N, C-alpha and C. Protein backbone atom coordinates (compact mmCIF):
# COMPACT_ATOMS: atom_id res chain seq x y z
N UNK A 1 6.65 -3.38 0.78
CA UNK A 1 5.95 -3.16 2.01
C UNK A 1 4.85 -4.29 2.18
N UNK A 2 4.76 -4.75 3.37
CA UNK A 2 3.88 -5.86 3.63
C UNK A 2 2.49 -5.33 4.03
N UNK A 3 1.48 -5.97 3.55
CA UNK A 3 0.08 -5.60 4.02
C UNK A 3 -0.47 -6.74 4.84
N UNK A 4 -1.15 -6.41 5.93
CA UNK A 4 -1.79 -7.41 6.80
C UNK A 4 -3.16 -6.86 7.25
N UNK A 5 -4.09 -7.80 7.23
CA UNK A 5 -5.49 -7.46 7.69
C UNK A 5 -5.52 -7.23 9.23
N UNK A 6 -6.61 -6.60 9.61
CA UNK A 6 -6.72 -6.21 11.00
C UNK A 6 -6.82 -7.47 11.91
N UNK A 7 -7.53 -8.48 11.50
CA UNK A 7 -7.62 -9.70 12.30
C UNK A 7 -6.25 -10.33 12.47
N UNK A 8 -5.57 -10.53 11.34
CA UNK A 8 -4.28 -11.11 11.44
C UNK A 8 -3.24 -10.14 12.28
N UNK A 9 -3.42 -8.90 12.18
CA UNK A 9 -2.60 -7.99 12.98
C UNK A 9 -2.88 -8.20 14.49
N UNK A 10 -4.16 -8.34 14.83
CA UNK A 10 -4.45 -8.57 16.20
C UNK A 10 -3.89 -9.88 16.74
N UNK A 11 -4.01 -10.93 15.91
CA UNK A 11 -3.57 -12.12 16.47
C UNK A 11 -2.09 -12.43 16.39
N UNK A 12 -1.34 -11.51 15.65
CA UNK A 12 0.10 -11.73 15.48
C UNK A 12 0.86 -10.48 15.83
N UNK A 13 0.24 -9.67 16.77
CA UNK A 13 0.84 -8.39 17.02
C UNK A 13 2.30 -8.50 17.57
N UNK A 14 2.59 -9.44 18.44
CA UNK A 14 3.94 -9.60 18.89
C UNK A 14 5.01 -9.91 17.79
N UNK A 15 4.63 -10.75 16.92
CA UNK A 15 5.46 -11.10 15.71
C UNK A 15 5.65 -9.90 14.81
N UNK A 16 4.55 -9.11 14.60
CA UNK A 16 4.64 -7.96 13.84
C UNK A 16 5.64 -6.94 14.40
N UNK A 17 5.49 -6.70 15.70
CA UNK A 17 6.39 -5.77 16.38
C UNK A 17 7.86 -6.26 16.28
N UNK A 18 8.08 -7.53 16.38
CA UNK A 18 9.41 -8.04 16.17
C UNK A 18 10.03 -7.65 14.86
N UNK A 19 9.15 -7.79 13.78
CA UNK A 19 9.62 -7.51 12.42
C UNK A 19 9.90 -6.04 12.25
N UNK A 20 8.96 -5.20 12.84
CA UNK A 20 9.18 -3.81 12.75
C UNK A 20 10.41 -3.34 13.48
N UNK A 21 10.70 -3.95 14.60
CA UNK A 21 11.91 -3.66 15.34
C UNK A 21 13.14 -3.98 14.59
N UNK A 22 13.03 -4.95 13.62
CA UNK A 22 14.21 -5.29 12.81
C UNK A 22 14.28 -4.46 11.52
N UNK A 23 13.37 -3.46 11.40
CA UNK A 23 13.47 -2.47 10.32
C UNK A 23 12.38 -2.58 9.23
N UNK A 24 11.59 -3.70 9.27
CA UNK A 24 10.52 -3.88 8.28
C UNK A 24 9.39 -2.94 8.50
N UNK A 25 8.81 -2.45 7.43
CA UNK A 25 7.59 -1.69 7.50
C UNK A 25 6.42 -2.46 7.07
N UNK A 26 5.22 -2.00 7.46
CA UNK A 26 4.04 -2.67 6.98
C UNK A 26 2.81 -1.79 7.08
N UNK A 27 1.69 -2.27 6.47
CA UNK A 27 0.49 -1.52 6.42
C UNK A 27 -0.67 -2.48 6.96
N UNK A 28 -1.41 -1.96 7.91
CA UNK A 28 -2.56 -2.74 8.40
C UNK A 28 -3.77 -2.30 7.58
N UNK A 29 -4.47 -3.25 6.98
CA UNK A 29 -5.69 -2.90 6.17
C UNK A 29 -6.96 -3.40 6.87
N UNK A 30 -8.00 -2.72 6.53
CA UNK A 30 -9.42 -3.09 6.98
C UNK A 30 -10.24 -3.19 5.69
N UNK A 31 -10.78 -4.40 5.39
CA UNK A 31 -11.50 -4.55 4.16
C UNK A 31 -10.72 -4.20 2.97
N UNK A 32 -9.40 -4.38 2.95
CA UNK A 32 -8.59 -4.17 1.79
C UNK A 32 -8.07 -2.73 1.69
N UNK A 33 -8.48 -1.91 2.67
CA UNK A 33 -8.13 -0.45 2.52
C UNK A 33 -7.13 -0.17 3.66
N UNK A 34 -5.93 0.53 3.35
CA UNK A 34 -4.97 0.87 4.29
C UNK A 34 -5.57 1.73 5.37
N UNK A 35 -5.28 1.44 6.64
CA UNK A 35 -5.71 2.23 7.75
C UNK A 35 -4.55 2.66 8.70
N UNK A 36 -3.42 1.89 8.72
CA UNK A 36 -2.35 2.27 9.61
C UNK A 36 -1.03 1.73 8.96
N UNK A 37 0.01 2.52 9.31
CA UNK A 37 1.37 2.08 8.82
C UNK A 37 2.21 1.80 10.07
N UNK A 38 2.88 0.61 10.02
CA UNK A 38 3.85 0.24 11.05
C UNK A 38 5.26 0.58 10.52
N UNK A 39 5.91 1.39 11.26
CA UNK A 39 7.27 1.74 10.91
C UNK A 39 8.14 1.70 12.15
N UNK A 40 9.42 1.47 12.06
CA UNK A 40 10.34 1.44 13.21
C UNK A 40 10.29 2.93 13.84
N UNK A 41 10.42 2.99 15.16
CA UNK A 41 10.29 4.21 15.94
C UNK A 41 11.26 5.27 15.34
N UNK A 42 12.52 4.93 15.11
CA UNK A 42 13.46 5.92 14.60
C UNK A 42 13.14 6.45 13.29
N UNK A 43 12.48 5.65 12.42
CA UNK A 43 12.20 6.08 11.04
C UNK A 43 11.19 7.22 11.06
N UNK A 44 10.30 7.26 11.96
CA UNK A 44 9.28 8.38 12.01
C UNK A 44 9.82 9.67 12.43
N UNK A 45 11.01 9.62 13.13
CA UNK A 45 11.55 10.86 13.72
C UNK A 45 12.83 11.34 13.06
N UNK A 46 13.17 10.66 11.98
CA UNK A 46 14.47 10.97 11.31
C UNK A 46 14.32 12.18 10.40
N UNK A 47 14.36 13.35 10.90
CA UNK A 47 14.21 14.56 10.08
C UNK A 47 15.36 14.74 9.14
N UNK A 48 16.49 14.34 9.55
CA UNK A 48 17.73 14.53 8.74
C UNK A 48 17.59 13.74 7.40
N UNK A 49 16.99 12.54 7.48
CA UNK A 49 16.76 11.70 6.27
C UNK A 49 15.70 12.43 5.38
N UNK A 50 14.65 12.99 5.97
CA UNK A 50 13.67 13.60 5.23
C UNK A 50 14.22 14.82 4.53
N UNK A 51 15.03 15.58 5.23
CA UNK A 51 15.67 16.81 4.60
C UNK A 51 16.59 16.46 3.47
N UNK A 52 17.29 15.33 3.65
CA UNK A 52 18.26 14.92 2.60
C UNK A 52 17.45 14.46 1.37
N UNK A 53 16.34 13.78 1.56
CA UNK A 53 15.52 13.39 0.47
C UNK A 53 14.90 14.58 -0.28
N UNK A 54 14.48 15.62 0.52
CA UNK A 54 13.99 16.81 -0.14
C UNK A 54 15.05 17.49 -0.97
N UNK A 55 16.19 17.57 -0.46
CA UNK A 55 17.32 18.20 -1.25
C UNK A 55 17.64 17.47 -2.52
N UNK A 56 17.57 16.04 -2.40
CA UNK A 56 17.74 15.32 -3.70
C UNK A 56 16.66 15.58 -4.70
N UNK A 57 15.46 15.76 -4.21
CA UNK A 57 14.30 16.02 -5.09
C UNK A 57 14.52 17.41 -5.79
N UNK A 58 14.94 18.40 -4.96
CA UNK A 58 15.15 19.75 -5.51
C UNK A 58 16.26 19.75 -6.52
N UNK A 59 17.37 18.95 -6.22
CA UNK A 59 18.46 18.85 -7.19
C UNK A 59 18.01 18.24 -8.46
N UNK A 60 17.29 17.18 -8.41
CA UNK A 60 16.77 16.55 -9.70
C UNK A 60 15.83 17.42 -10.47
N UNK A 61 14.98 18.18 -9.71
CA UNK A 61 14.05 19.09 -10.45
C UNK A 61 14.78 20.13 -11.16
N UNK A 62 15.92 20.64 -10.72
CA UNK A 62 16.64 21.62 -11.46
C UNK A 62 17.13 21.12 -12.76
N UNK A 63 17.32 19.76 -12.86
CA UNK A 63 17.81 19.19 -14.07
C UNK A 63 16.75 18.92 -15.14
N UNK A 64 15.50 19.06 -14.76
CA UNK A 64 14.42 18.84 -15.73
C UNK A 64 14.28 20.02 -16.67
N UNK A 65 14.35 19.75 -17.97
CA UNK A 65 14.16 20.88 -18.89
C UNK A 65 12.80 21.48 -18.73
N UNK A 66 12.73 22.81 -18.84
CA UNK A 66 11.53 23.54 -18.60
C UNK A 66 10.34 23.08 -19.53
N UNK A 67 10.68 22.64 -20.76
CA UNK A 67 9.56 22.25 -21.68
C UNK A 67 9.02 20.90 -21.24
N UNK A 68 9.74 20.21 -20.30
CA UNK A 68 9.25 18.89 -19.84
C UNK A 68 8.50 18.97 -18.53
N UNK A 69 8.63 20.12 -17.86
CA UNK A 69 8.09 20.26 -16.52
C UNK A 69 6.60 20.45 -16.60
N UNK A 70 5.93 20.01 -15.55
CA UNK A 70 4.43 20.10 -15.55
C UNK A 70 4.02 21.43 -14.84
N UNK A 71 2.82 21.95 -15.23
CA UNK A 71 2.40 23.13 -14.64
C UNK A 71 1.79 22.86 -13.27
N UNK A 72 1.60 23.91 -12.51
CA UNK A 72 0.92 23.71 -11.11
C UNK A 72 -0.43 23.13 -11.31
N UNK A 73 -1.17 23.49 -12.35
CA UNK A 73 -2.47 22.93 -12.55
C UNK A 73 -2.44 21.46 -12.86
N UNK A 74 -1.48 20.97 -13.59
CA UNK A 74 -1.30 19.59 -13.92
C UNK A 74 -0.93 18.85 -12.63
N UNK A 75 -0.08 19.48 -11.84
CA UNK A 75 0.33 18.83 -10.63
C UNK A 75 -0.80 18.59 -9.72
N UNK A 76 -1.71 19.71 -9.54
CA UNK A 76 -2.93 19.60 -8.73
C UNK A 76 -3.86 18.45 -9.21
N UNK A 77 -3.96 18.31 -10.50
CA UNK A 77 -4.82 17.24 -11.10
C UNK A 77 -4.24 15.87 -10.62
N UNK A 78 -2.92 15.68 -10.78
CA UNK A 78 -2.25 14.48 -10.36
C UNK A 78 -2.48 14.17 -8.89
N UNK A 79 -2.38 15.30 -8.10
CA UNK A 79 -2.45 15.14 -6.66
C UNK A 79 -3.95 14.74 -6.28
N UNK A 80 -4.94 15.28 -7.02
CA UNK A 80 -6.29 15.12 -6.65
C UNK A 80 -6.91 13.80 -7.30
N UNK A 81 -6.18 13.07 -8.11
CA UNK A 81 -6.61 11.87 -8.70
C UNK A 81 -6.96 10.91 -7.57
N UNK A 82 -8.15 10.26 -7.63
CA UNK A 82 -8.44 9.28 -6.59
C UNK A 82 -9.02 9.81 -5.35
N UNK A 83 -9.07 11.17 -5.17
CA UNK A 83 -9.63 11.68 -4.02
C UNK A 83 -11.16 11.85 -4.24
N UNK A 84 -11.91 11.66 -3.12
CA UNK A 84 -13.39 11.72 -3.26
C UNK A 84 -13.87 13.12 -3.21
């Protein structure tokens, strides 16, 4: 995924949109921090792809031995890492 600063995004918006139209994704940053994601229009609405990904995750999760699985408390710690 490509990152681009806000100034560059403003000055090259047409070219950015051309690249997104061709399927490329990108992130617009302000002072090095992500603020917006550019994705092709169809990608944001493709629920079938999202459901298929969720099914793959569920299938893989069933194959994880229980002694290797993480607890909900561990999962919450991982999720909260880096949050203010």
